Amino acid sequence: MLKGKNILVGVTGGIAAYKTATIIRLLVKEGAEVKVVMSAHAREFITPLTLSTLSKNPVLTEFYNQENGDWNSHVDLGLWANLYLIAPATANSIAKMACGIADNLLLTAYLSAKCPVMIAPSMDVDMLNHPATKINIETLKAFGNIIIEPASGELASGLTGKGRMAEPEDIVREILNLLSKKKIKKPLSGKRLLINAGPTREPIDPVRFISNYSSGRMGIAIADAAAEYGADVELILGPVNIVPENKSVKITRVTTAESMASECIKRFPKCDIAILSAAVADYTAVKVEKEKMKKGIDSITLKLKPTADIAATLGRSKKASQIIAGFALETNNEIKNATAKLNRKNLDLIVLNSLKEPGAGFEHSTNKITIIDKYNNIDKFELKSKEEAARDILDKIVLMIK
């Protein structure tokens, strides 16, 4: 699909440089002509010989050949390429590109490039979150460069968070979408997807409420991944402090279980897929006091009533063409209880979390899930970042659509 396309690959000095070998192999397999330019530090992570063998072209690291004086023209490289991919792009190189610094062949080629430029950042989570790096990445976007968002997971430092370079297959897919005449259809293109996420708050008086520990991270990760998969995403979001990174996600803010139910029920008839990841309160106060309750008595009795069951309500009205995925957070008899919920609420699949699993459930950046579908298939997954778990859930849904 890339026959006749010239792709220049820039490699900077990050641990993710080992992934670049796979990127080059995949590009060559697609028919592209690939040339590689490396920074001096990149050679400490992967050898030019490896990348030269894979690309079938000499790897360029210096402005000129020290043995014969041949000049490696950055201008010619910029004119030759149909695309310049810089992967991995370290915080240092990103800062230099944003400021127009040209102290190596890779950077001078960047400043000379007449073609689209794709940049795949790779760094530790704290470096990625530093204000300077954020400003530099936004500057590169303003230049028209395409940023391939890094993934979340375990990093070389031992920390867990966002900063891992995107996987080679994902990067090549982006290149194919950009350069190939036949665009690659994303797995959820044309699908309308409804997601709810986060906790709800059930008021007791003007200052107190009933809630839970949900951070909303899992549902937000699903919303971001679904948008990347091409879906038109509507997110009904409870009171949390984070939002999706993908700006195409349409967000409706709610607070109570009643408002969460109302928004989901209203939108469900027009959606193809509903993923119900919110931790909705099961009960709400029968009476909400108008004034703050004062301390001073030995005890109080709080009378509660059930809230609307969103999953069951949607399950009853579900059409054959629609898919509903629910969530079950269990502490005992996990498979049995989750399967019973799946059947009782007429769901197509259910994502099981166990609070017994270290690193899973509320307030973690990771999750360990089991997916049970209506055909009694059970898929168990290892502990992963919530972003990776989100893709596992969506991949299962894609298979069920087909």
Protein backbone atom coordinates (compact mmCIF):
# COMPACT_ATOMS: atom_id res chain seq x y z
CA MET A 1 0.00 0.00 0.00
CA LEU A 2 3.03 2.29 0.28
CA LYS A 3 4.68 1.39 -3.01
CA GLY A 4 6.34 4.47 -4.48
CA LYS A 5 6.38 6.33 -1.15
CA ASN A 6 9.60 7.62 0.36
CA ILE A 7 9.68 7.67 4.16
CA LEU A 8 12.47 9.22 6.18
CA VAL A 9 12.68 7.83 9.71
CA GLY A 10 14.41 9.87 12.40
CA VAL A 11 15.58 8.05 15.54
CA THR A 12 16.48 9.98 18.69
CA GLY A 13 18.11 8.66 21.85
CA GLY A 14 15.35 6.92 23.78
CA ILE A 15 14.84 3.39 25.03
CA ALA A 16 11.92 2.99 22.60
CA ALA A 17 14.40 3.02 19.71
CA TYR A 18 14.19 -0.78 19.70
CA LYS A 19 10.58 -0.43 18.45
CA THR A 20 11.76 1.59 15.47
CA ALA A 21 13.27 -1.55 13.97
CA THR A 22 9.78 -3.06 13.77
CA ILE A 23 8.36 0.14 12.28
CA ILE A 24 10.96 0.07 9.51
CA ARG A 25 10.34 -3.61 8.81
CA LEU A 26 6.59 -3.01 8.51
CA LEU A 27 7.07 0.02 6.24
CA VAL A 28 9.35 -1.93 3.91
CA LYS A 29 6.84 -4.78 3.91
CA GLU A 30 4.18 -2.29 2.74
CA GLY A 31 6.43 -1.33 -0.19
CA ALA A 32 7.88 1.96 1.08
CA GLU A 33 11.41 3.14 0.37
CA VAL A 34 12.89 3.91 3.78
CA LYS A 35 15.92 5.93 4.78
CA VAL A 36 17.03 6.39 8.38
CA VAL A 37 18.76 9.27 10.11
CA MET A 38 19.92 8.89 13.71
CA SER A 39 21.05 11.23 16.44
CA ALA A 40 24.35 10.45 18.16
CA HIS A 41 22.55 9.32 21.34
CA ALA A 42 20.27 7.00 19.37
CA ARG A 43 23.28 4.86 18.48
CA GLU A 44 23.61 4.02 22.18
CA PHE A 45 20.21 2.28 22.08
CA ILE A 46 20.21 0.54 18.68
CA THR A 47 22.96 0.07 16.11
CA PRO A 48 22.97 1.70 12.66
CA LEU A 49 23.77 -1.76 11.25
CA THR A 50 20.43 -3.11 12.47
CA LEU A 51 18.43 -0.28 10.92
CA SER A 52 20.50 -0.28 7.73
CA THR A 53 19.85 -4.00 7.26
CA LEU A 54 16.10 -3.55 7.75
CA SER A 55 15.75 -0.41 5.62
CA LYS A 56 18.09 -1.70 2.88
CA ASN A 57 19.74 1.74 2.83
CA PRO A 58 22.77 3.25 4.59
CA VAL A 59 21.91 4.90 7.89
CA LEU A 60 22.92 8.55 8.15
CA THR A 61 24.22 9.90 11.45
CA GLU A 62 26.62 12.72 10.53
CA PHE A 63 26.60 15.71 8.20
CA TYR A 64 29.35 14.15 6.12
CA ASN A 65 31.22 10.87 5.71
CA GLN A 66 34.46 11.24 7.66
CA GLU A 67 36.23 8.69 5.46
CA ASN A 68 35.64 10.29 2.04
CA GLY A 69 34.08 13.67 2.83
CA ASP A 70 30.77 12.92 1.07
CA TRP A 71 28.14 15.43 2.18
CA ASN A 72 24.83 14.14 3.57
CA SER A 73 22.49 16.86 2.42
CA HIS A 74 19.65 17.58 4.82
CA VAL A 75 18.00 19.58 2.04
CA ASP A 76 18.00 16.59 -0.30
CA LEU A 77 16.54 14.40 2.45
CA GLY A 78 13.75 16.88 3.04
CA LEU A 79 12.93 17.01 -0.66
CA TRP A 80 13.15 13.22 -1.13
CA ALA A 81 10.70 12.24 1.60
CA ASN A 82 6.93 11.96 1.28
CA LEU A 83 6.83 11.69 5.07
CA TYR A 84 9.29 12.31 7.87
CA LEU A 85 8.61 10.10 10.91
CA ILE A 86 10.55 10.84 14.10
CA ALA A 87 10.21 7.86 16.41
CA PRO A 88 11.08 7.86 19.19
CA ALA A 89 11.07 11.60 19.81
CA THR A 90 12.60 12.43 23.18
CA ALA A 91 11.76 15.49 25.28
CA ASN A 92 15.15 16.95 24.34
CA SER A 93 14.62 16.58 20.59
CA ILE A 94 11.03 17.84 20.82
CA ALA A 95 12.29 20.95 22.63
CA LYS A 96 14.91 21.54 19.95
CA MET A 97 12.39 21.12 17.12
CA ALA A 98 10.01 23.55 18.81
CA CYS A 99 12.79 26.13 19.12
CA GLY A 100 14.31 25.59 15.67
CA ILE A 101 17.64 24.31 16.96
CA ALA A 102 19.63 22.45 14.29
CA ASP A 103 22.66 20.85 15.93
CA ASN A 104 22.49 17.44 14.25
CA LEU A 105 21.52 15.93 10.90
CA LEU A 106 18.16 14.72 12.16
CA LEU A 107 17.14 18.22 13.24
CA THR A 108 18.41 19.99 10.12
CA ALA A 109 16.43 17.48 8.05
CA TYR A 110 13.37 18.35 10.16
CA LEU A 111 13.78 22.06 9.47
CA SER A 112 14.26 21.34 5.75
CA ALA A 113 11.36 18.93 5.34
CA LYS A 114 8.74 19.91 2.76
CA CYS A 115 6.61 16.85 3.57
CA PRO A 116 4.27 16.00 6.47
CA VAL A 117 6.07 15.28 9.73
CA MET A 118 4.87 12.67 12.22
CA ILE A 119 6.31 12.72 15.72
CA ALA A 120 5.99 9.83 18.20
CA PRO A 121 6.99 11.09 21.67
CA SER A 122 8.62 8.74 24.14
CA MET A 123 9.67 9.75 27.64
CA ASP A 124 8.93 9.30 31.32
CA VAL A 125 5.54 10.40 32.62
CA ASP A 126 6.92 13.35 34.61
CA MET A 127 8.80 14.67 31.59
CA LEU A 128 5.71 14.35 29.42
CA ASN A 129 3.61 16.19 32.01
CA HIS A 130 6.12 19.00 32.52
CA PRO A 131 4.70 22.35 31.35
CA ALA A 132 7.70 22.92 29.08
CA THR A 133 7.13 19.64 27.24
CA LYS A 134 3.40 20.31 26.93
CA ILE A 135 4.10 23.73 25.43
CA ASN A 136 6.68 22.28 23.04
CA ILE A 137 4.27 19.59 21.81
CA GLU A 138 1.53 22.17 21.30
CA THR A 139 4.04 24.30 19.37
CA LEU A 140 4.83 21.36 17.06
CA LYS A 141 1.10 20.81 16.52
CA ALA A 142 0.77 24.49 15.62
CA PHE A 143 3.52 23.99 13.02
CA GLY A 144 1.26 21.38 11.42
CA ASN A 145 3.18 18.36 12.68
CA ILE A 146 1.21 15.20 13.46
CA ILE A 147 1.69 13.98 17.03
CA ILE A 148 1.14 10.28 17.62
CA GLU A 149 0.01 10.20 21.23
CA PRO A 150 2.13 8.06 23.55
CA ALA A 151 0.47 5.16 25.35
CA SER A 152 0.19 4.48 29.07
CA GLY A 153 1.74 1.58 30.90
CA GLU A 154 4.88 0.53 32.71
CA LEU A 155 7.81 2.78 31.80
CA ALA A 156 11.54 2.10 31.74
CA SER A 157 11.91 4.08 34.97
CA GLY A 158 9.65 1.62 36.76
CA LEU A 159 6.82 4.15 37.00
CA THR A 160 3.44 3.54 35.44
CA GLY A 161 1.79 6.25 33.37
CA LYS A 162 1.63 7.89 29.98
CA GLY A 163 4.85 8.18 28.02
CA ARG A 164 5.44 4.91 26.16
CA MET A 165 5.91 5.35 22.43
CA ALA A 166 2.90 4.09 20.51
CA GLU A 167 3.19 0.53 19.28
CA PRO A 168 4.79 0.05 15.83
CA GLU A 169 1.57 -1.35 14.33
CA ASP A 170 -0.38 1.71 15.48
CA ILE A 171 2.23 4.09 14.05
CA VAL A 172 2.29 2.28 10.70
CA ARG A 173 -1.51 2.34 10.62
CA GLU A 174 -1.40 6.14 10.99
CA ILE A 175 1.11 6.33 8.15
CA LEU A 176 -1.06 4.13 5.93
CA ASN A 177 -4.06 6.34 6.62
CA LEU A 178 -2.06 9.42 5.70
CA LEU A 179 -0.21 8.20 2.62
CA SER A 180 -2.11 5.34 1.06
CA LYS A 181 -4.72 6.05 -1.60
CA LYS A 182 -7.07 3.60 0.05
CA LYS A 183 -7.76 4.77 3.57
CA ILE A 184 -7.77 2.15 6.32
CA LYS A 185 -11.23 1.96 7.82
CA LYS A 186 -11.13 2.24 11.58
CA PRO A 187 -12.89 -0.59 13.42
CA LEU A 188 -15.70 1.57 14.84
CA SER A 189 -16.08 4.04 11.98
CA GLY A 190 -19.69 5.11 11.58
CA LYS A 191 -20.74 3.75 14.98
CA ARG A 192 -22.39 5.92 17.62
CA LEU A 193 -21.13 4.99 21.05
CA LEU A 194 -22.62 5.98 24.42
CA ILE A 195 -20.43 5.72 27.53
CA ASN A 196 -21.11 6.66 31.11
CA ALA A 197 -18.28 7.07 33.58
CA GLY A 198 -17.37 8.25 37.05
CA PRO A 199 -19.36 8.23 40.28
CA THR A 200 -22.64 9.90 41.10
CA ARG A 201 -23.38 12.02 44.18
CA GLU A 202 -26.66 11.65 46.03
CA PRO A 203 -27.32 14.70 48.23
CA ILE A 204 -28.28 14.39 51.90
CA ASP A 205 -28.29 18.11 52.67
CA PRO A 206 -26.71 21.17 50.97
CA VAL A 207 -23.15 20.10 51.92
CA ARG A 208 -23.20 16.30 52.24
CA PHE A 209 -23.74 13.48 49.78
CA ILE A 210 -23.44 9.72 49.26
CA SER A 211 -20.83 8.67 46.69
CA ASN A 212 -18.01 6.20 46.03
CA TYR A 213 -14.32 6.08 45.13
CA SER A 214 -14.68 5.94 41.33
CA SER A 215 -12.19 8.18 39.53
CA GLY A 216 -13.78 7.78 36.08
CA ARG A 217 -10.42 6.75 34.59
CA MET A 218 -11.66 3.49 33.05
CA GLY A 219 -14.62 5.06 31.27
CA ILE A 220 -12.56 8.01 30.08
CA ALA A 221 -9.91 5.63 28.73
CA ILE A 222 -12.66 3.80 26.83
CA ALA A 223 -13.97 7.10 25.43
CA ASP A 224 -10.52 8.08 24.18
CA ALA A 225 -9.87 4.66 22.66
CA ALA A 226 -13.31 4.53 21.02
CA ALA A 227 -12.70 7.92 19.39
CA GLU A 228 -9.38 6.60 18.07
CA TYR A 229 -11.26 3.59 16.71
CA GLY A 230 -13.40 6.00 14.68
CA ALA A 231 -16.58 6.04 16.77
CA ASP A 232 -18.79 9.06 17.36
CA VAL A 233 -18.57 9.12 21.16
CA GLU A 234 -20.94 10.64 23.71
CA LEU A 235 -19.70 10.51 27.30
CA ILE A 236 -22.07 11.01 30.24
CA LEU A 237 -19.61 11.94 32.96
CA GLY A 238 -20.11 12.12 36.70
CA PRO A 239 -18.26 14.51 39.05
CA VAL A 240 -14.56 13.82 38.36
CA ASN A 241 -11.53 16.03 37.78
CA ILE A 242 -10.29 14.48 34.53
CA VAL A 243 -11.64 14.53 30.98
CA PRO A 244 -10.83 12.66 27.75
CA GLU A 245 -7.80 13.83 25.80
CA ASN A 246 -9.55 13.31 22.46
CA LYS A 247 -11.37 16.55 21.71
CA SER A 248 -13.95 14.83 19.50
CA VAL A 249 -15.59 13.15 22.52
CA LYS A 250 -18.86 14.92 23.38
CA ILE A 251 -19.15 15.31 27.15
CA THR A 252 -22.33 15.79 29.18
CA ARG A 253 -21.74 16.47 32.87
CA VAL A 254 -24.10 15.03 35.47
CA THR A 255 -24.09 14.71 39.25
CA THR A 256 -26.87 12.42 40.50
CA ALA A 257 -27.95 8.93 39.54
CA GLU A 258 -31.23 10.39 38.33
CA SER A 259 -29.50 12.81 35.94
CA MET A 260 -27.12 10.06 34.78
CA ALA A 261 -30.08 7.79 34.02
CA SER A 262 -32.01 10.53 32.25
CA GLU A 263 -29.14 11.40 29.91
CA CYS A 264 -28.36 7.75 29.10
CA ILE A 265 -31.99 6.78 28.46
CA LYS A 266 -32.49 9.83 26.23
CA ARG A 267 -29.47 9.03 24.04
CA PHE A 268 -29.63 5.24 23.91
CA PRO A 269 -32.18 4.83 21.06
CA LYS A 270 -29.82 6.55 18.59
CA CYS A 271 -26.64 4.74 19.59
CA ASP A 272 -25.16 1.49 18.29
CA ILE A 273 -23.15 0.62 21.38
CA ALA A 274 -23.52 1.52 25.04
CA ILE A 275 -20.71 0.93 27.54
CA LEU A 276 -21.90 1.45 31.09
CA SER A 277 -18.77 1.90 33.19
CA ALA A 278 -20.10 4.49 35.67
CA ALA A 279 -20.26 3.65 39.36
CA VAL A 280 -23.85 4.78 39.83
CA ALA A 281 -25.18 4.95 43.39
CA ASP A 282 -27.67 2.17 44.12
CA TYR A 283 -29.57 4.29 46.64
CA THR A 284 -30.45 7.93 47.17
CA ALA A 285 -31.96 9.80 50.10
CA VAL A 286 -35.74 9.73 50.39
CA LYS A 287 -35.62 13.25 51.77
CA VAL A 288 -32.91 15.85 51.12
CA GLU A 289 -32.68 18.35 53.95
CA LYS A 290 -32.90 21.98 52.87
CA GLU A 291 -30.53 23.14 55.61
CA LYS A 292 -27.27 21.65 56.82
CA MET A 293 -27.88 19.00 59.45
CA LYS A 294 -26.26 20.03 62.73
CA LYS A 295 -24.16 17.76 64.86
CA GLY A 296 -25.39 17.30 68.40
CA ILE A 297 -27.54 14.23 68.56
CA ASP A 298 -26.22 10.75 69.29
CA SER A 299 -27.38 9.19 66.02
CA ILE A 300 -29.49 9.80 62.95
CA THR A 301 -31.47 7.51 60.69
CA LEU A 302 -31.07 8.08 56.98
CA LYS A 303 -33.84 6.61 54.87
CA LEU A 304 -32.81 5.59 51.34
CA LYS A 305 -34.65 4.49 48.20
CA PRO A 306 -33.32 2.66 45.11
CA THR A 307 -32.07 4.67 42.15
CA ALA A 308 -32.96 3.85 38.55
CA ASP A 309 -31.15 0.79 37.20
CA ILE A 310 -29.65 2.19 34.00
CA ALA A 311 -28.32 -1.10 32.63
CA ALA A 312 -31.61 -2.94 33.19
CA THR A 313 -33.63 -0.08 31.69
CA LEU A 314 -31.51 0.02 28.54
CA GLY A 315 -31.43 -3.78 28.37
CA ARG A 316 -35.22 -3.94 28.28
CA SER A 317 -35.40 -1.55 25.31
CA LYS A 318 -32.35 -2.87 23.44
CA LYS A 319 -32.81 -3.60 19.74
CA ALA A 320 -31.17 -6.60 18.08
CA SER A 321 -28.69 -4.30 16.33
CA GLN A 322 -27.51 -2.67 19.57
CA ILE A 323 -24.77 -3.84 21.93
CA ILE A 324 -24.64 -3.09 25.65
CA ALA A 325 -21.55 -3.67 27.77
CA GLY A 326 -21.90 -3.45 31.53
CA PHE A 327 -19.43 -3.52 34.40
CA ALA A 328 -19.45 -5.60 37.57
CA LEU A 329 -17.28 -4.83 40.58
CA GLU A 330 -17.35 -7.88 42.83
CA THR A 331 -15.77 -8.98 46.10
CA ASN A 332 -16.87 -12.65 46.13
CA ASN A 333 -18.23 -15.28 43.72
CA GLU A 334 -17.06 -12.97 40.97
CA ILE A 335 -17.81 -15.01 37.83
CA LYS A 336 -21.15 -16.27 39.15
CA ASN A 337 -22.36 -12.83 40.23
CA ALA A 338 -21.18 -11.10 37.06
CA THR A 339 -22.80 -13.73 34.83
CA ALA A 340 -26.08 -13.41 36.74
CA LYS A 341 -25.99 -9.63 36.22
CA LEU A 342 -25.24 -10.09 32.51
CA ASN A 343 -28.30 -12.30 32.05
CA ARG A 344 -30.62 -10.41 34.38
CA LYS A 345 -30.06 -7.10 32.64
CA ASN A 346 -30.00 -8.43 29.06
CA LEU A 347 -26.43 -7.32 28.37
CA ASP A 348 -24.22 -8.52 25.54
CA LEU A 349 -21.06 -8.57 27.62
CA ILE A 350 -19.93 -7.63 31.07
CA VAL A 351 -16.52 -6.47 32.30
CA LEU A 352 -15.67 -7.96 35.67
CA ASN A 353 -13.39 -6.27 38.19
CA SER A 354 -12.48 -7.86 41.50
CA LEU A 355 -11.52 -5.70 44.46
CA LYS A 356 -9.38 -8.63 45.62
CA GLU A 357 -6.94 -8.06 42.74
CA PRO A 358 -4.02 -5.73 43.63
CA GLY A 359 -3.87 -2.75 41.27
CA ALA A 360 -7.44 -3.17 40.00
CA GLY A 361 -10.66 -1.29 40.70
CA PHE A 362 -11.08 2.24 42.00
CA GLU A 363 -8.37 4.90 42.07
CA HIS A 364 -5.73 2.88 40.16
CA SER A 365 -4.17 3.68 36.78
CA THR A 366 -4.19 -0.07 36.08
CA ASN A 367 -6.92 -2.68 35.88
CA LYS A 368 -7.25 -6.46 35.68
CA ILE A 369 -10.42 -7.40 33.87
CA THR A 370 -12.38 -10.47 32.85
CA ILE A 371 -14.86 -10.16 29.99
CA ILE A 372 -17.88 -12.46 29.93
CA ASP A 373 -20.18 -12.39 26.89
CA LYS A 374 -23.74 -13.57 26.34
CA TYR A 375 -22.44 -16.76 24.70
CA ASN A 376 -20.71 -17.71 28.00
CA ASN A 377 -17.23 -17.03 26.63
CA ILE A 378 -14.87 -15.90 29.38
CA ASP A 379 -11.73 -13.93 28.50
CA LYS A 380 -9.29 -13.19 31.32
CA PHE A 381 -6.63 -10.49 30.95
CA GLU A 382 -3.49 -9.67 32.88
CA LEU A 383 -3.01 -6.48 34.89
CA LYS A 384 -2.66 -3.63 32.37
CA SER A 385 -2.98 0.12 32.17
CA LYS A 386 -6.59 1.23 31.91
CA GLU A 387 -5.83 2.52 28.41
CA GLU A 388 -4.74 -0.96 27.32
CA ALA A 389 -7.71 -2.55 29.07
CA ALA A 390 -10.00 -0.14 27.21
CA ARG A 391 -8.68 -1.46 23.90
CA ASP A 392 -9.26 -5.05 25.03
CA ILE A 393 -12.90 -4.18 25.75
CA LEU A 394 -13.37 -2.42 22.41
CA ASP A 395 -11.65 -5.24 20.50
CA LYS A 396 -14.15 -7.67 22.02
CA ILE A 397 -17.04 -5.42 20.96
CA VAL A 398 -15.65 -5.15 17.42
CA LEU A 399 -15.60 -8.94 17.18
CA MET A 400 -19.22 -9.09 18.34
CA ILE A 401 -20.26 -6.55 15.69
CA LYS A 402 -18.74 -8.69 12.96
